[in-house]
PDB file of N, CA and C in Angstrom:
ATOM      1  N   MET A   1       0.835  -1.171   0.000  1.00  0.00           N
ATOM      2  CA  MET A   1       0.000   0.000   0.000  1.00  0.00           C
ATOM      3  C   MET A   1       0.886   1.243   0.000  1.00  0.00           C
ATOM      4  N   GLU A   2       0.575   2.165  -0.864  1.00  0.00           N
ATOM      5  CA  GLU A   2       1.318   3.417  -0.933  1.00  0.00           C
ATOM      6  C   GLU A   2       0.990   4.275   0.283  1.00  0.00           C
ATOM      7  N   SER A   3       2.000   4.965   0.772  1.00  0.00           N
ATOM      8  CA  SER A   3       1.818   5.835   1.925  1.00  0.00           C
ATOM      9  C   SER A   3       2.521   7.158   1.653  1.00  0.00           C
ATOM     10  N   ILE A   4       1.854   8.239   1.998  1.00  0.00           N
ATOM     11  CA  ILE A   4       2.424   9.576   1.815  1.00  0.00           C
ATOM     12  C   ILE A   4       2.388  10.288   3.160  1.00  0.00           C
ATOM     13  N   THR A   5       3.489  10.905   3.519  1.00  0.00           N
ATOM     14  CA  THR A   5       3.556  11.685   4.756  1.00  0.00           C
ATOM     15  C   THR A   5       3.949  13.114   4.392  1.00  0.00           C
ATOM     16  N   TRP A   6       3.265  14.072   4.945  1.00  0.00           N
ATOM     17  CA  TRP A   6       3.579  15.472   4.689  1.00  0.00           C
ATOM     18  C   TRP A   6       3.147  16.297   5.892  1.00  0.00           C
ATOM     19  N   PHE A   7       3.622  17.525   5.938  1.00  0.00           N
ATOM     20  CA  PHE A   7       3.201  18.404   7.019  1.00  0.00           C
ATOM     21  C   PHE A   7       2.871  19.773   6.457  1.00  0.00           C
ATOM     22  N   THR A   8       1.997  20.454   7.184  1.00  0.00           N
ATOM     23  CA  THR A   8       1.525  21.768   6.774  1.00  0.00           C
ATOM     24  C   THR A   8       1.633  22.715   7.961  1.00  0.00           C
ATOM     25  N   PRO A   9       2.286  23.851   7.792  1.00  0.00           N
ATOM     26  CA  PRO A   9       2.351  24.790   8.921  1.00  0.00           C
ATOM     27  C   PRO A   9       0.979  25.401   9.197  1.00  0.00           C
ATOM     28  N   ILE A  10       0.701  25.612  10.449  1.00  0.00           N
ATOM     29  CA  ILE A  10      -0.496  26.344  10.852  1.00  0.00           C
ATOM     30  C   ILE A  10      -0.015  27.746  11.196  1.00  0.00           C
ATOM     31  N   LEU A  11      -0.496  28.707  10.467  1.00  0.00           N
ATOM     32  CA  LEU A  11      -0.033  30.081  10.618  1.00  0.00           C
ATOM     33  C   LEU A  11      -0.352  30.638  12.003  1.00  0.00           C
ATOM     34  N   PRO A  12       0.475  31.554  12.487  1.00  0.00           N
ATOM     35  CA  PRO A  12       0.218  32.175  13.786  1.00  0.00           C
ATOM     36  C   PRO A  12      -1.198  32.750  13.845  1.00  0.00           C
ATOM     37  N   GLY A  13      -1.883  32.481  14.933  1.00  0.00           N
ATOM     38  CA  GLY A  13      -3.243  32.985  15.110  1.00  0.00           C
ATOM     39  C   GLY A  13      -4.320  32.114  14.487  1.00  0.00           C
ATOM     40  N   LYS A  14      -3.947  31.038  13.820  1.00  0.00           N
ATOM     41  CA  LYS A  14      -4.919  30.190  13.120  1.00  0.00           C
ATOM     42  C   LYS A  14      -5.164  28.852  13.808  1.00  0.00           C
ATOM     43  N   LEU A  15      -4.522  28.608  14.946  1.00  0.00           N
ATOM     44  CA  LEU A  15      -4.644  27.313  15.608  1.00  0.00           C
ATOM     45  C   LEU A  15      -6.086  27.032  16.034  1.00  0.00           C
ATOM     46  N   GLU A  16      -6.759  28.002  16.616  1.00  0.00           N
ATOM     47  CA  GLU A  16      -8.147  27.790  17.050  1.00  0.00           C
ATOM     48  C   GLU A  16      -9.059  27.512  15.855  1.00  0.00           C
ATOM     49  N   GLU A  17      -8.812  28.181  14.741  1.00  0.00           N
ATOM     50  CA  GLU A  17      -9.589  27.941  13.522  1.00  0.00           C
ATOM     51  C   GLU A  17      -9.384  26.501  13.037  1.00  0.00           C
ATOM     52  N   TRP A  18      -8.138  26.019  13.091  1.00  0.00           N
ATOM     53  CA  TRP A  18      -7.842  24.641  12.687  1.00  0.00           C
ATOM     54  C   TRP A  18      -8.548  23.651  13.611  1.00  0.00           C
ATOM     55  N   LYS A  19      -8.505  23.909  14.914  1.00  0.00           N
ATOM     56  CA  LYS A  19      -9.165  23.021  15.867  1.00  0.00           C
ATOM     57  C   LYS A  19     -10.675  22.967  15.616  1.00  0.00           C
ATOM     58  N   ALA A  20     -11.272  24.096  15.296  1.00  0.00           N
ATOM     59  CA  ALA A  20     -12.708  24.139  15.000  1.00  0.00           C
ATOM     60  C   ALA A  20     -13.023  23.335  13.738  1.00  0.00           C
ATOM     61  N   MET A  21     -12.167  23.435  12.717  1.00  0.00           N
ATOM     62  CA  MET A  21     -12.365  22.673  11.487  1.00  0.00           C
ATOM     63  C   MET A  21     -12.265  21.181  11.768  1.00  0.00           C
ATOM     64  N   GLU A  22     -11.298  20.780  12.581  1.00  0.00           N
ATOM     65  CA  GLU A  22     -11.143  19.367  12.949  1.00  0.00           C
ATOM     66  C   GLU A  22     -12.407  18.834  13.616  1.00  0.00           C
ATOM     67  N   GLN A  23     -12.980  19.613  14.530  1.00  0.00           N
ATOM     68  CA  GLN A  23     -14.213  19.187  15.205  1.00  0.00           C
ATOM     69  C   GLN A  23     -15.372  19.079  14.224  1.00  0.00           C
ATOM     70  N   GLU A  24     -15.429  19.978  13.258  1.00  0.00           N
ATOM     71  CA  GLU A  24     -16.498  19.952  12.262  1.00  0.00           C
ATOM     72  C   GLU A  24     -16.430  18.700  11.395  1.00  0.00           C
ATOM     73  N   VAL A  25     -15.220  18.330  10.945  1.00  0.00           N
ATOM     74  CA  VAL A  25     -15.116  17.147  10.080  1.00  0.00           C
ATOM     75  C   VAL A  25     -15.198  15.850  10.875  1.00  0.00           C
ATOM     76  N   LYS A  26     -15.041  15.910  12.177  1.00  0.00           N
ATOM     77  CA  LYS A  26     -15.231  14.721  13.011  1.00  0.00           C
ATOM     78  C   LYS A  26     -16.689  14.566  13.420  1.00  0.00           C
ATOM     79  N   GLY A  27     -17.459  15.642  13.285  1.00  0.00           N
ATOM     80  CA  GLY A  27     -18.858  15.633  13.720  1.00  0.00           C
ATOM     81  C   GLY A  27     -19.832  15.790  12.564  1.00  0.00           C
ATOM     82  N   PRO A  28     -20.402  16.989  12.422  1.00  0.00           N
ATOM     83  CA  PRO A  28     -21.494  17.186  11.468  1.00  0.00           C
ATOM     84  C   PRO A  28     -21.125  16.966   9.996  1.00  0.00           C
ATOM     85  N   ARG A  29     -19.873  17.078   9.642  1.00  0.00           N
ATOM     86  CA  ARG A  29     -19.494  16.910   8.231  1.00  0.00           C
ATOM     87  C   ARG A  29     -18.710  15.630   7.988  1.00  0.00           C
ATOM     88  N   ARG A  30     -18.752  14.696   8.948  1.00  0.00           N
ATOM     89  CA  ARG A  30     -18.000  13.439   8.848  1.00  0.00           C
ATOM     90  C   ARG A  30     -18.370  12.642   7.594  1.00  0.00           C
ATOM     91  N   ALA A  31     -19.658  12.490   7.322  1.00  0.00           N
ATOM     92  CA  ALA A  31     -20.097  11.711   6.159  1.00  0.00           C
ATOM     93  C   ALA A  31     -19.575  12.326   4.858  1.00  0.00           C
ATOM     94  N   GLU A  32     -19.577  13.642   4.789  1.00  0.00           N
ATOM     95  CA  GLU A  32     -19.057  14.337   3.603  1.00  0.00           C
ATOM     96  C   GLU A  32     -17.563  14.057   3.419  1.00  0.00           C
ATOM     97  N   LEU A  33     -16.816  14.062   4.513  1.00  0.00           N
ATOM     98  CA  LEU A  33     -15.384  13.790   4.459  1.00  0.00           C
ATOM     99  C   LEU A  33     -15.128  12.348   4.002  1.00  0.00           C
ATOM    100  N   VAL A  34     -15.883  11.400   4.543  1.00  0.00           N
ATOM    101  CA  VAL A  34     -15.726   9.989   4.169  1.00  0.00           C
ATOM    102  C   VAL A  34     -15.996   9.809   2.670  1.00  0.00           C
ATOM    103  N   ARG A  35     -17.050  10.425   2.163  1.00  0.00           N
ATOM    104  CA  ARG A  35     -17.345  10.330   0.719  1.00  0.00           C
ATOM    105  C   ARG A  35     -16.208  10.914  -0.116  1.00  0.00           C
ATOM    106  N   SER A  36     -15.665  12.036   0.318  1.00  0.00           N
ATOM    107  CA  SER A  36     -14.559  12.672  -0.398  1.00  0.00           C
ATOM    108  C   SER A  36     -13.337  11.763  -0.423  1.00  0.00           C
ATOM    109  N   TYR A  37     -13.021  11.156   0.724  1.00  0.00           N
ATOM    110  CA  TYR A  37     -11.876  10.239   0.803  1.00  0.00           C
ATOM    111  C   TYR A  37     -12.076   9.035  -0.119  1.00  0.00           C
ATOM    112  N   LYS A  38     -13.285   8.492  -0.136  1.00  0.00           N
ATOM    113  CA  LYS A  38     -13.552   7.334  -1.003  1.00  0.00           C
ATOM    114  C   LYS A  38     -13.347   7.701  -2.470  1.00  0.00           C
ATOM    115  N   ARG A  39     -13.855   8.861  -2.880  1.00  0.00           N
ATOM    116  CA  ARG A  39     -13.674   9.302  -4.277  1.00  0.00           C
ATOM    117  C   ARG A  39     -12.203   9.459  -4.624  1.00  0.00           C
ATOM    118  N   ALA A  40     -11.401   9.900  -3.659  1.00  0.00           N
ATOM    119  CA  ALA A  40      -9.971  10.137  -3.892  1.00  0.00           C
ATOM    120  C   ALA A  40      -9.133   8.875  -3.688  1.00  0.00           C
ATOM    121  N   GLY A  41      -9.747   7.802  -3.200  1.00  0.00           N
ATOM    122  CA  GLY A  41      -9.005   6.566  -2.972  1.00  0.00           C
ATOM    123  C   GLY A  41      -8.216   6.559  -1.674  1.00  0.00           C
ATOM    124  N   VAL A  42      -8.558   7.441  -0.751  1.00  0.00           N
ATOM    125  CA  VAL A  42      -7.867   7.500   0.542  1.00  0.00           C
ATOM    126  C   VAL A  42      -8.494   6.458   1.467  1.00  0.00           C
ATOM    127  N   ALA A  43      -7.697   5.534   1.947  1.00  0.00           N
ATOM    128  CA  ALA A  43      -8.197   4.480   2.829  1.00  0.00           C
ATOM    129  C   ALA A  43      -8.143   4.902   4.291  1.00  0.00           C
ATOM    130  N   ARG A  44      -7.189   5.757   4.625  1.00  0.00           N
ATOM    131  CA  ARG A  44      -6.982   6.092   6.030  1.00  0.00           C
ATOM    132  C   ARG A  44      -6.174   7.380   6.137  1.00  0.00           C
ATOM    133  N   GLU A  45      -6.506   8.197   7.136  1.00  0.00           N
ATOM    134  CA  GLU A  45      -5.706   9.375   7.439  1.00  0.00           C
ATOM    135  C   GLU A  45      -5.581   9.494   8.950  1.00  0.00           C
ATOM    136  N   VAL A  46      -4.389   9.762   9.398  1.00  0.00           N
ATOM    137  CA  VAL A  46      -4.134  10.033  10.811  1.00  0.00           C
ATOM    138  C   VAL A  46      -3.474  11.402  10.857  1.00  0.00           C
ATOM    139  N   ALA A  47      -4.013  12.294  11.661  1.00  0.00           N
ATOM    140  CA  ALA A  47      -3.442  13.636  11.764  1.00  0.00           C
ATOM    141  C   ALA A  47      -3.101  13.934  13.212  1.00  0.00           C
ATOM    142  N   SER A  48      -2.009  14.626  13.401  1.00  0.00           N
ATOM    143  CA  SER A  48      -1.638  15.052  14.748  1.00  0.00           C
ATOM    144  C   SER A  48      -1.118  16.475  14.674  1.00  0.00           C
ATOM    145  N   LEU A  49      -1.031  17.101  15.802  1.00  0.00           N
ATOM    146  CA  LEU A  49      -0.547  18.471  15.876  1.00  0.00           C
ATOM    147  C   LEU A  49       0.789  18.473  16.591  1.00  0.00           C
ATOM    148  N   ASP A  50       1.784  19.010  15.939  1.00  0.00           N
ATOM    149  CA  ASP A  50       3.110  19.145  16.530  1.00  0.00           C
ATOM    150  C   ASP A  50       3.285  20.616  16.880  1.00  0.00           C
ATOM    151  N   ALA A  51       3.134  20.947  18.122  1.00  0.00           N
ATOM    152  CA  ALA A  51       3.250  22.339  18.555  1.00  0.00           C
ATOM    153  C   ALA A  51       4.654  22.602  19.085  1.00  0.00           C
ATOM    154  N   HIS A  52       5.227  23.718  18.663  1.00  0.00           N
ATOM    155  CA  HIS A  52       6.552  24.112  19.136  1.00  0.00           C
ATOM    156  C   HIS A  52       6.687  25.620  19.046  1.00  0.00           C
ATOM    157  N   ALA A  53       7.825  26.142  19.410  1.00  0.00           N
ATOM    158  CA  ALA A  53       8.029  27.597  19.497  1.00  0.00           C
ATOM    159  C   ALA A  53       7.739  28.331  18.190  1.00  0.00           C
ATOM    160  N   ALA A  54       8.014  27.719  17.055  1.00  0.00           N
ATOM    161  CA  ALA A  54       7.798  28.368  15.767  1.00  0.00           C
ATOM    162  C   ALA A  54       6.340  28.353  15.330  1.00  0.00           C
ATOM    163  N   GLY A  55       5.479  27.631  16.051  1.00  0.00           N
ATOM    164  CA  GLY A  55       4.066  27.531  15.693  1.00  0.00           C
ATOM    165  C   GLY A  55       3.677  26.070  15.589  1.00  0.00           C
ATOM    166  N   GLY A  56       2.482  25.824  15.076  1.00  0.00           N
ATOM    167  CA  GLY A  56       1.992  24.456  14.976  1.00  0.00           C
ATOM    168  C   GLY A  56       2.105  23.920  13.566  1.00  0.00           C
ATOM    169  N   PHE A  57       2.162  22.611  13.470  1.00  0.00           N
ATOM    170  CA  PHE A  57       2.157  21.933  12.193  1.00  0.00           C
ATOM    171  C   PHE A  57       1.135  20.828  12.229  1.00  0.00           C
ATOM    172  N   ARG A  58       0.348  20.703  11.170  1.00  0.00           N
ATOM    173  CA  ARG A  58      -0.583  19.600  11.030  1.00  0.00           C
ATOM    174  C   ARG A  58       0.188  18.474  10.362  1.00  0.00           C
ATOM    175  N   LEU A  59       0.183  17.309  10.972  1.00  0.00           N
ATOM    176  CA  LEU A  59       0.947  16.171  10.460  1.00  0.00           C
ATOM    177  C   LEU A  59       0.007  15.038  10.087  1.00  0.00           C
ATOM    178  N   PRO A  60      -0.541  15.017   8.861  1.00  0.00           N
ATOM    179  CA  PRO A  60      -1.375  13.889   8.471  1.00  0.00           C
ATOM    180  C   PRO A  60      -0.510  12.711   8.074  1.00  0.00           C
ATOM    181  N   VAL A  61      -0.884  11.541   8.499  1.00  0.00           N
ATOM    182  CA  VAL A  61      -0.152  10.317   8.151  1.00  0.00           C
ATOM    183  C   VAL A  61      -1.156   9.314   7.623  1.00  0.00           C
ATOM    184  N   PRO A  62      -1.256   9.192   6.297  1.00  0.00           N
ATOM    185  CA  PRO A  62      -2.239   8.255   5.735  1.00  0.00           C
ATOM    186  C   PRO A  62      -1.890   6.824   6.052  1.00  0.00           C
TER     187      PRO A  62
END
């Protein structure tokens, strides 16, 4: 199975916005996200937040 790992910086002041988006796709928009992943062929995604002095990074690990 192919696996891709990448990271995306979360800009200063945007961490709360990112957290709100995460809650939205885990809750009311979960079905929409699952359909999107199926269309794209994504079997699994794991995301974590790496917070440090320079800011946060979203680390998805499919």
